[in-house]
Amino acid sequence: MIALRWPVVPLALAALAACSGDRAGSVRAGSERAGSVRAGSPQPAEASAGRTARTAPGLASADRGSPAADDRPVVLFLGTSLTAGLGLDPGEAYPARIQEKLDSAGLRWRVVNGGVSGETSAGALRRLEWMLRPGVRVLVVETGANDGLRGLDVDSTRANLEAIVARARAYDPGVRIVLAGMEAPPNLGARFTARFRGMFSDLARRERLPLIPFILEGVGGVDSLNQGDGIHPNVAGARIVAGNVWGVLEPVVREAMGDR
């Protein structure tokens, strides 16, 4: 059982904070419904510790050079504002810290930050088809936080997560999928929070997925590690989140290297 500190916040306020990027995310809506990227549609952001320009989280354009110029296998992060790094510079979000860890470990991989603020699991499922590209060897799925904050039906969220896994494997049976667990705020009730928590562990066990039990472990509910909204990690918090992710991700990346 994870010892969780999580702020008890009014549901409407929590959802509003988590959805602050919805206007930016809505730019994607047309291409999501069509299941393809149209000219001018925003691309996944390549996580780079060297990038300093502030850009709307989840909407920064990836390097648009020739794909042949960078043949590194890709770790794709499909996520919410936690992944996009809402309120942070792109180089401070946890995916950029993962890129740093890969580089420091001498692992020649490229991180792509596919986080979109305010997105639910249904939105992640709609986006997945056009985010998967040749070269994606590891997919980290961080979604469901906004479902929980809004009190959406757990069975629907579970079905979306299952569909994400199935769709990724249909695209490439060899892709490694890592699932990031999340907790629902306690003000939603003990039954809801227990079902929400169990959804991630059940799916990971059934689909044999490496699981990050709670991506905000050590950060959720700690004022000094979060921004003013009490939900999104600050720079120090994002470093801890990166450590939570890295502990599960590193062996997956090393195993994937052996498949090449």
C-alpha atoms as a PDB file:
ATOM      1  CA  MET A   1       0.000   0.000   0.000  1.00  0.00           C
ATOM      2  CA  ILE A   2       1.457   3.340  -1.026  1.00  0.00           C
ATOM      3  CA  ALA A   3       1.700   5.931   1.697  1.00  0.00           C
ATOM      4  CA  LEU A   4       0.087   8.829  -0.083  1.00  0.00           C
ATOM      5  CA  ARG A   5      -0.062  12.483   0.787  1.00  0.00           C
ATOM      6  CA  TRP A   6      -2.481  14.196  -1.561  1.00  0.00           C
ATOM      7  CA  PRO A   7      -4.221  17.537  -1.199  1.00  0.00           C
ATOM      8  CA  VAL A   8      -7.943  17.413  -0.554  1.00  0.00           C
ATOM      9  CA  VAL A   9      -9.214  19.972  -3.022  1.00  0.00           C
ATOM     10  CA  PRO A  10     -12.667  20.794  -4.333  1.00  0.00           C
ATOM     11  CA  LEU A  11     -13.257  18.706  -7.435  1.00  0.00           C
ATOM     12  CA  ALA A  12     -14.138  21.671  -9.646  1.00  0.00           C
ATOM     13  CA  LEU A  13     -10.973  23.553  -8.654  1.00  0.00           C
ATOM     14  CA  ALA A  14      -8.795  20.487  -9.205  1.00  0.00           C
ATOM     15  CA  ALA A  15     -10.252  19.831 -12.619  1.00  0.00           C
ATOM     16  CA  LEU A  16      -9.839  23.492 -13.558  1.00  0.00           C
ATOM     17  CA  ALA A  17      -6.168  23.429 -12.552  1.00  0.00           C
ATOM     18  CA  ALA A  18      -5.540  20.222 -14.434  1.00  0.00           C
ATOM     19  CA  CYS A  19      -7.354  21.498 -17.515  1.00  0.00           C
ATOM     20  CA  SER A  20      -5.620  24.841 -17.774  1.00  0.00           C
ATOM     21  CA  GLY A  21      -4.072  23.698 -21.036  1.00  0.00           C
ATOM     22  CA  ASP A  22      -7.352  22.628 -22.615  1.00  0.00           C
ATOM     23  CA  ARG A  23      -7.469  25.622 -24.944  1.00  0.00           C
ATOM     24  CA  ALA A  24      -4.083  24.692 -26.358  1.00  0.00           C
ATOM     25  CA  GLY A  25      -5.003  21.042 -26.457  1.00  0.00           C
ATOM     26  CA  SER A  26      -8.152  21.817 -28.396  1.00  0.00           C
ATOM     27  CA  VAL A  27      -6.003  22.789 -31.379  1.00  0.00           C
ATOM     28  CA  ARG A  28      -5.460  19.062 -31.825  1.00  0.00           C
ATOM     29  CA  ALA A  29      -9.111  18.117 -31.821  1.00  0.00           C
ATOM     30  CA  GLY A  30      -9.605  18.048 -35.569  1.00  0.00           C
ATOM     31  CA  SER A  31      -6.609  15.830 -36.244  1.00  0.00           C
ATOM     32  CA  GLU A  32      -7.506  13.573 -33.330  1.00  0.00           C
ATOM     33  CA  ARG A  33     -10.960  12.900 -34.721  1.00  0.00           C
ATOM     34  CA  ALA A  34      -9.538  12.245 -38.155  1.00  0.00           C
ATOM     35  CA  GLY A  35      -6.858   9.984 -36.683  1.00  0.00           C
ATOM     36  CA  SER A  36      -4.131  11.658 -38.733  1.00  0.00           C
ATOM     37  CA  VAL A  37      -1.830  14.650 -38.584  1.00  0.00           C
ATOM     38  CA  ARG A  38      -2.792  17.397 -40.965  1.00  0.00           C
ATOM     39  CA  ALA A  39      -0.409  20.049 -42.183  1.00  0.00           C
ATOM     40  CA  GLY A  40       0.215  22.543 -39.416  1.00  0.00           C
ATOM     41  CA  SER A  41      -0.958  20.227 -36.636  1.00  0.00           C
ATOM     42  CA  PRO A  42       1.221  20.380 -33.500  1.00  0.00           C
ATOM     43  CA  GLN A  43       3.809  17.654 -33.199  1.00  0.00           C
ATOM     44  CA  PRO A  44       5.107  15.814 -30.126  1.00  0.00           C
ATOM     45  CA  ALA A  45       7.834  17.741 -28.368  1.00  0.00           C
ATOM     46  CA  GLU A  46      11.322  16.296 -28.272  1.00  0.00           C
ATOM     47  CA  ALA A  47      12.537  16.477 -24.693  1.00  0.00           C
ATOM     48  CA  SER A  48      15.831  18.289 -24.607  1.00  0.00           C
ATOM     49  CA  ALA A  49      17.686  19.508 -21.560  1.00  0.00           C
ATOM     50  CA  GLY A  50      19.236  22.176 -23.756  1.00  0.00           C
ATOM     51  CA  ARG A  51      15.964  23.796 -24.822  1.00  0.00           C
ATOM     52  CA  THR A  52      15.322  26.973 -22.902  1.00  0.00           C
ATOM     53  CA  ALA A  53      12.573  28.754 -24.810  1.00  0.00           C
ATOM     54  CA  ARG A  54       9.234  28.616 -23.041  1.00  0.00           C
ATOM     55  CA  THR A  55       6.574  27.009 -25.222  1.00  0.00           C
ATOM     56  CA  ALA A  56       3.012  25.923 -24.538  1.00  0.00           C
ATOM     57  CA  PRO A  57       3.338  22.526 -22.784  1.00  0.00           C
ATOM     58  CA  GLY A  58       2.655  19.652 -25.098  1.00  0.00           C
ATOM     59  CA  LEU A  59       2.556  21.860 -28.193  1.00  0.00           C
ATOM     60  CA  ALA A  60       6.246  22.490 -28.792  1.00  0.00           C
ATOM     61  CA  SER A  61       7.336  21.273 -32.202  1.00  0.00           C
ATOM     62  CA  ALA A  62       9.818  18.436 -32.436  1.00  0.00           C
ATOM     63  CA  ASP A  63      12.952  18.781 -34.504  1.00  0.00           C
ATOM     64  CA  ARG A  64      11.697  18.963 -38.082  1.00  0.00           C
ATOM     65  CA  GLY A  65      14.945  17.863 -39.715  1.00  0.00           C
ATOM     66  CA  SER A  66      15.275  14.719 -41.770  1.00  0.00           C
ATOM     67  CA  PRO A  67      14.311  11.602 -39.765  1.00  0.00           C
ATOM     68  CA  ALA A  68      17.452   9.958 -41.131  1.00  0.00           C
ATOM     69  CA  ALA A  69      19.523  12.559 -39.272  1.00  0.00           C
ATOM     70  CA  ASP A  70      18.683  10.940 -35.944  1.00  0.00           C
ATOM     71  CA  ASP A  71      18.323   7.173 -35.953  1.00  0.00           C
ATOM     72  CA  ARG A  72      18.152   6.778 -32.193  1.00  0.00           C
ATOM     73  CA  PRO A  73      15.282   4.625 -30.913  1.00  0.00           C
ATOM     74  CA  VAL A  74      12.550   6.655 -29.247  1.00  0.00           C
ATOM     75  CA  VAL A  75      10.976   6.633 -25.803  1.00  0.00           C
ATOM     76  CA  LEU A  76       7.573   8.240 -26.315  1.00  0.00           C
ATOM     77  CA  PHE A  77       5.773   9.723 -23.315  1.00  0.00           C
ATOM     78  CA  LEU A  78       2.006   9.834 -23.852  1.00  0.00           C
ATOM     79  CA  GLY A  79       0.744  11.973 -21.026  1.00  0.00           C
ATOM     80  CA  THR A  80      -1.116  14.839 -19.415  1.00  0.00           C
ATOM     81  CA  SER A  81       0.057  18.172 -18.047  1.00  0.00           C
ATOM     82  CA  LEU A  82       2.305  16.246 -15.655  1.00  0.00           C
ATOM     83  CA  THR A  83       4.262  15.016 -18.670  1.00  0.00           C
ATOM     84  CA  ALA A  84       3.922  18.236 -20.679  1.00  0.00           C
ATOM     85  CA  GLY A  85       5.448  20.101 -17.739  1.00  0.00           C
ATOM     86  CA  LEU A  86       2.693  22.658 -17.192  1.00  0.00           C
ATOM     87  CA  GLY A  87       4.192  25.767 -15.602  1.00  0.00           C
ATOM     88  CA  LEU A  88       7.767  24.682 -16.321  1.00  0.00           C
ATOM     89  CA  ASP A  89      10.224  25.294 -19.125  1.00  0.00           C
ATOM     90  CA  PRO A  90      10.333  22.248 -21.431  1.00  0.00           C
ATOM     91  CA  GLY A  91      13.833  21.377 -20.229  1.00  0.00           C
ATOM     92  CA  GLU A  92      12.550  21.197 -16.635  1.00  0.00           C
ATOM     93  CA  ALA A  93       9.722  18.707 -17.262  1.00  0.00           C
ATOM     94  CA  TYR A  94      10.424  15.152 -16.159  1.00  0.00           C
ATOM     95  CA  PRO A  95      10.786  13.726 -19.715  1.00  0.00           C
ATOM     96  CA  ALA A  96      13.693  16.124 -20.312  1.00  0.00           C
ATOM     97  CA  ARG A  97      15.267  14.861 -17.081  1.00  0.00           C
ATOM     98  CA  ILE A  98      14.870  11.316 -18.413  1.00  0.00           C
ATOM     99  CA  GLN A  99      16.775  12.379 -21.530  1.00  0.00           C
ATOM    100  CA  GLU A 100      19.548  13.616 -19.257  1.00  0.00           C
ATOM    101  CA  LYS A 101      19.633  10.289 -17.436  1.00  0.00           C
ATOM    102  CA  LEU A 102      19.759   8.345 -20.707  1.00  0.00           C
ATOM    103  CA  ASP A 103      22.614  10.497 -21.939  1.00  0.00           C
ATOM    104  CA  SER A 104      24.508  10.212 -18.654  1.00  0.00           C
ATOM    105  CA  ALA A 105      24.132   6.425 -18.747  1.00  0.00           C
ATOM    106  CA  GLY A 106      25.515   6.304 -22.274  1.00  0.00           C
ATOM    107  CA  LEU A 107      22.198   5.026 -23.638  1.00  0.00           C
ATOM    108  CA  ARG A 108      21.696   6.359 -27.137  1.00  0.00           C
ATOM    109  CA  TRP A 109      17.945   6.987 -27.062  1.00  0.00           C
ATOM    110  CA  ARG A 110      15.753   9.961 -27.852  1.00  0.00           C
ATOM    111  CA  VAL A 111      12.881  11.086 -25.645  1.00  0.00           C
ATOM    112  CA  VAL A 112       9.747  12.554 -27.219  1.00  0.00           C
ATOM    113  CA  ASN A 113       7.399  14.420 -24.898  1.00  0.00           C
ATOM    114  CA  GLY A 114       3.806  13.772 -26.007  1.00  0.00           C
ATOM    115  CA  GLY A 115       2.133  15.415 -23.033  1.00  0.00           C
ATOM    116  CA  VAL A 116      -1.017  17.538 -23.451  1.00  0.00           C
ATOM    117  CA  SER A 117      -2.451  19.528 -20.559  1.00  0.00           C
ATOM    118  CA  GLY A 118      -6.007  18.764 -19.529  1.00  0.00           C
ATOM    119  CA  GLU A 119      -6.274  15.589 -21.565  1.00  0.00           C
ATOM    120  CA  THR A 120      -8.287  12.588 -20.399  1.00  0.00           C
ATOM    121  CA  SER A 121      -7.591   8.957 -21.245  1.00  0.00           C
ATOM    122  CA  ALA A 122     -10.088   9.229 -24.103  1.00  0.00           C
ATOM    123  CA  GLY A 123      -8.052  12.033 -25.657  1.00  0.00           C
ATOM    124  CA  ALA A 124      -4.832  10.057 -25.244  1.00  0.00           C
ATOM    125  CA  LEU A 125      -6.413   7.141 -27.052  1.00  0.00           C
ATOM    126  CA  ARG A 126      -7.496   9.389 -29.933  1.00  0.00           C
ATOM    127  CA  ARG A 127      -4.008  10.871 -30.265  1.00  0.00           C
ATOM    128  CA  LEU A 128      -2.080   7.629 -30.033  1.00  0.00           C
ATOM    129  CA  GLU A 129      -2.462   6.537 -33.645  1.00  0.00           C
ATOM    130  CA  TRP A 130      -0.729   9.574 -35.090  1.00  0.00           C
ATOM    131  CA  MET A 131       1.893   9.768 -32.347  1.00  0.00           C
ATOM    132  CA  LEU A 132       3.200   6.265 -32.946  1.00  0.00           C
ATOM    133  CA  ARG A 133       5.934   6.460 -35.557  1.00  0.00           C
ATOM    134  CA  PRO A 134       8.679   4.113 -36.780  1.00  0.00           C
ATOM    135  CA  GLY A 135      11.445   4.243 -34.210  1.00  0.00           C
ATOM    136  CA  VAL A 136       9.200   4.278 -31.123  1.00  0.00           C
ATOM    137  CA  ARG A 137      10.531   1.345 -29.136  1.00  0.00           C
ATOM    138  CA  VAL A 138       9.220   2.240 -25.675  1.00  0.00           C
ATOM    139  CA  LEU A 139       5.877   3.875 -24.861  1.00  0.00           C
ATOM    140  CA  VAL A 140       5.303   5.343 -21.397  1.00  0.00           C
ATOM    141  CA  VAL A 141       1.577   5.808 -20.758  1.00  0.00           C
ATOM    142  CA  GLU A 142       0.788   8.525 -18.199  1.00  0.00           C
ATOM    143  CA  THR A 143      -2.920   9.199 -18.442  1.00  0.00           C
ATOM    144  CA  GLY A 144      -6.004   8.990 -16.268  1.00  0.00           C
ATOM    145  CA  ALA A 145      -5.097  11.762 -13.817  1.00  0.00           C
ATOM    146  CA  ASN A 146      -7.684  14.115 -15.274  1.00  0.00           C
ATOM    147  CA  ASP A 147     -10.238  11.298 -15.378  1.00  0.00           C
ATOM    148  CA  GLY A 148      -9.729  10.878 -11.654  1.00  0.00           C
ATOM    149  CA  LEU A 149      -9.837  14.582 -10.874  1.00  0.00           C
ATOM    150  CA  ARG A 150     -13.125  14.878 -12.746  1.00  0.00           C
ATOM    151  CA  GLY A 151     -14.586  11.755 -11.153  1.00  0.00           C
ATOM    152  CA  LEU A 152     -15.110  10.062 -14.524  1.00  0.00           C
ATOM    153  CA  ASP A 153     -16.335   6.477 -14.629  1.00  0.00           C
ATOM    154  CA  VAL A 154     -13.482   4.141 -13.690  1.00  0.00           C
ATOM    155  CA  ASP A 155     -14.668   1.434 -16.074  1.00  0.00           C
ATOM    156  CA  SER A 156     -14.489   3.874 -18.983  1.00  0.00           C
ATOM    157  CA  THR A 157     -10.975   4.949 -18.020  1.00  0.00           C
ATOM    158  CA  ARG A 158      -9.958   1.311 -17.727  1.00  0.00           C
ATOM    159  CA  ALA A 159     -11.358   0.591 -21.190  1.00  0.00           C
ATOM    160  CA  ASN A 160      -9.399   3.503 -22.657  1.00  0.00           C
ATOM    161  CA  LEU A 161      -6.176   2.277 -21.061  1.00  0.00           C
ATOM    162  CA  GLU A 162      -6.793  -1.214 -22.371  1.00  0.00           C
ATOM    163  CA  ALA A 163      -7.411   0.175 -25.848  1.00  0.00           C
ATOM    164  CA  ILE A 164      -4.185   2.205 -25.712  1.00  0.00           C
ATOM    165  CA  VAL A 165      -2.208  -0.937 -24.930  1.00  0.00           C
ATOM    166  CA  ALA A 166      -3.981  -2.953 -27.631  1.00  0.00           C
ATOM    167  CA  ARG A 167      -3.559  -0.239 -30.254  1.00  0.00           C
ATOM    168  CA  ALA A 168       0.143   0.216 -29.512  1.00  0.00           C
ATOM    169  CA  ARG A 169       0.753  -3.512 -29.785  1.00  0.00           C
ATOM    170  CA  ALA A 170      -1.236  -3.714 -33.000  1.00  0.00           C
ATOM    171  CA  TYR A 171       1.007  -1.012 -34.448  1.00  0.00           C
ATOM    172  CA  ASP A 172       4.162  -2.815 -33.317  1.00  0.00           C
ATOM    173  CA  PRO A 173       4.024  -6.067 -31.318  1.00  0.00           C
ATOM    174  CA  GLY A 174       7.581  -5.438 -30.182  1.00  0.00           C
ATOM    175  CA  VAL A 175       6.956  -2.063 -28.547  1.00  0.00           C
ATOM    176  CA  ARG A 176       7.647  -1.993 -24.808  1.00  0.00           C
ATOM    177  CA  ILE A 177       4.880  -0.323 -22.798  1.00  0.00           C
ATOM    178  CA  VAL A 178       5.356   1.152 -19.335  1.00  0.00           C
ATOM    179  CA  LEU A 179       2.265   2.147 -17.348  1.00  0.00           C
ATOM    180  CA  ALA A 180       2.362   5.044 -14.906  1.00  0.00           C
ATOM    181  CA  GLY A 181       0.005   4.684 -11.955  1.00  0.00           C
ATOM    182  CA  MET A 182      -1.942   7.549 -10.468  1.00  0.00           C
ATOM    183  CA  GLU A 183      -4.016   8.161  -7.353  1.00  0.00           C
ATOM    184  CA  ALA A 184      -7.377   9.926  -7.163  1.00  0.00           C
ATOM    185  CA  PRO A 185      -7.864  12.671  -4.540  1.00  0.00           C
ATOM    186  CA  PRO A 186      -9.362  11.296  -1.309  1.00  0.00           C
ATOM    187  CA  ASN A 187     -12.324  13.687  -1.404  1.00  0.00           C
ATOM    188  CA  LEU A 188     -13.832  11.488  -4.136  1.00  0.00           C
ATOM    189  CA  GLY A 189     -14.507   8.756  -1.592  1.00  0.00           C
ATOM    190  CA  ALA A 190     -12.766   5.579  -0.475  1.00  0.00           C
ATOM    191  CA  ARG A 191     -14.550   3.311  -2.946  1.00  0.00           C
ATOM    192  CA  PHE A 192     -13.689   5.468  -5.956  1.00  0.00           C
ATOM    193  CA  THR A 193     -10.052   5.939  -4.950  1.00  0.00           C
ATOM    194  CA  ALA A 194      -9.584   2.209  -4.314  1.00  0.00           C
ATOM    195  CA  ARG A 195     -11.077   1.268  -7.691  1.00  0.00           C
ATOM    196  CA  PHE A 196      -9.037   3.947  -9.425  1.00  0.00           C
ATOM    197  CA  ARG A 197      -5.787   2.769  -7.837  1.00  0.00           C
ATOM    198  CA  GLY A 198      -6.545  -0.881  -8.555  1.00  0.00           C
ATOM    199  CA  MET A 199      -7.246  -0.124 -12.216  1.00  0.00           C
ATOM    200  CA  PHE A 200      -3.555   0.483 -12.902  1.00  0.00           C
ATOM    201  CA  SER A 201      -2.186  -2.489 -10.988  1.00  0.00           C
ATOM    202  CA  ASP A 202      -4.812  -4.828 -12.463  1.00  0.00           C
ATOM    203  CA  LEU A 203      -4.034  -3.740 -16.011  1.00  0.00           C
ATOM    204  CA  ALA A 204      -0.287  -3.990 -15.463  1.00  0.00           C
ATOM    205  CA  ARG A 205      -0.632  -7.500 -14.086  1.00  0.00           C
ATOM    206  CA  ARG A 206      -3.020  -8.699 -16.777  1.00  0.00           C
ATOM    207  CA  GLU A 207      -1.037  -7.216 -19.678  1.00  0.00           C
ATOM    208  CA  ARG A 208       2.367  -7.887 -18.084  1.00  0.00           C
ATOM    209  CA  LEU A 209       3.376  -4.249 -18.137  1.00  0.00           C
ATOM    210  CA  PRO A 210       6.099  -2.658 -16.018  1.00  0.00           C
ATOM    211  CA  LEU A 211       4.285  -0.383 -13.580  1.00  0.00           C
ATOM    212  CA  ILE A 212       5.320   2.862 -11.948  1.00  0.00           C
ATOM    213  CA  PRO A 213       3.041   2.411  -8.905  1.00  0.00           C
ATOM    214  CA  PHE A 214       2.439   6.142  -8.362  1.00  0.00           C
ATOM    215  CA  ILE A 215       4.264   8.585 -10.599  1.00  0.00           C
ATOM    216  CA  LEU A 216       3.940  11.376  -8.002  1.00  0.00           C
ATOM    217  CA  GLU A 217       5.295   9.278  -5.127  1.00  0.00           C
ATOM    218  CA  GLY A 218       7.124  11.594  -2.728  1.00  0.00           C
ATOM    219  CA  VAL A 219       5.756  14.670  -4.510  1.00  0.00           C
ATOM    220  CA  GLY A 220       1.948  14.548  -4.342  1.00  0.00           C
ATOM    221  CA  GLY A 221       0.699  16.667  -1.455  1.00  0.00           C
ATOM    222  CA  VAL A 222       4.137  18.081  -0.577  1.00  0.00           C
ATOM    223  CA  ASP A 223       3.797  21.846  -0.797  1.00  0.00           C
ATOM    224  CA  SER A 224       7.499  22.551  -1.297  1.00  0.00           C
ATOM    225  CA  LEU A 225       7.623  20.256  -4.338  1.00  0.00           C
ATOM    226  CA  ASN A 226       4.561  21.594  -6.139  1.00  0.00           C
ATOM    227  CA  GLN A 227       3.499  24.786  -7.838  1.00  0.00           C
ATOM    228  CA  GLY A 228       0.874  27.046  -6.361  1.00  0.00           C
ATOM    229  CA  ASP A 229      -2.009  24.891  -7.580  1.00  0.00           C
ATOM    230  CA  GLY A 230      -0.859  22.063  -5.312  1.00  0.00           C
ATOM    231  CA  ILE A 231      -1.107  19.605  -8.216  1.00  0.00           C
ATOM    232  CA  HIS A 232       1.713  20.181 -10.698  1.00  0.00           C
ATOM    233  CA  PRO A 233       5.315  19.557  -9.621  1.00  0.00           C
ATOM    234  CA  ASN A 234       7.779  22.422  -9.546  1.00  0.00           C
ATOM    235  CA  VAL A 235      11.365  22.030 -10.763  1.00  0.00           C
ATOM    236  CA  ALA A 236      12.448  20.094  -7.669  1.00  0.00           C
ATOM    237  CA  GLY A 237       9.322  17.944  -7.782  1.00  0.00           C
ATOM    238  CA  ALA A 238       9.840  17.135 -11.460  1.00  0.00           C
ATOM    239  CA  ARG A 239      13.302  15.811 -10.643  1.00  0.00           C
ATOM    240  CA  ILE A 240      11.796  13.412  -8.115  1.00  0.00           C
ATOM    241  CA  VAL A 241       9.139  12.340 -10.625  1.00  0.00           C
ATOM    242  CA  ALA A 242      11.928  11.635 -13.112  1.00  0.00           C
ATOM    243  CA  GLY A 243      13.568   9.425 -10.510  1.00  0.00           C
ATOM    244  CA  ASN A 244      10.317   7.528  -9.981  1.00  0.00           C
ATOM    245  CA  VAL A 245      10.032   6.958 -13.719  1.00  0.00           C
ATOM    246  CA  TRP A 246      13.696   6.138 -14.264  1.00  0.00           C
ATOM    247  CA  GLY A 247      13.705   3.365 -11.690  1.00  0.00           C
ATOM    248  CA  VAL A 248      11.187   1.448 -13.810  1.00  0.00           C
ATOM    249  CA  LEU A 249      12.145   2.708 -17.255  1.00  0.00           C
ATOM    250  CA  GLU A 250      15.900   2.074 -17.218  1.00  0.00           C
ATOM    251  CA  PRO A 251      15.727  -1.749 -17.213  1.00  0.00           C
ATOM    252  CA  VAL A 252      13.026  -1.632 -19.906  1.00  0.00           C
ATOM    253  CA  VAL A 253      15.264   0.477 -22.158  1.00  0.00           C
ATOM    254  CA  ARG A 254      18.229  -1.812 -21.568  1.00  0.00           C
ATOM    255  CA  GLU A 255      16.125  -4.869 -22.394  1.00  0.00           C
ATOM    256  CA  ALA A 256      14.836  -3.186 -25.538  1.00  0.00           C
ATOM    257  CA  MET A 257      18.414  -2.540 -26.621  1.00  0.00           C
ATOM    258  CA  GLY A 258      19.024  -6.278 -26.552  1.00  0.00           C
ATOM    259  CA  ASP A 259      16.192  -6.783 -29.053  1.00  0.00           C
ATOM    260  CA  ARG A 260      17.842  -4.666 -31.725  1.00  0.00           C
END
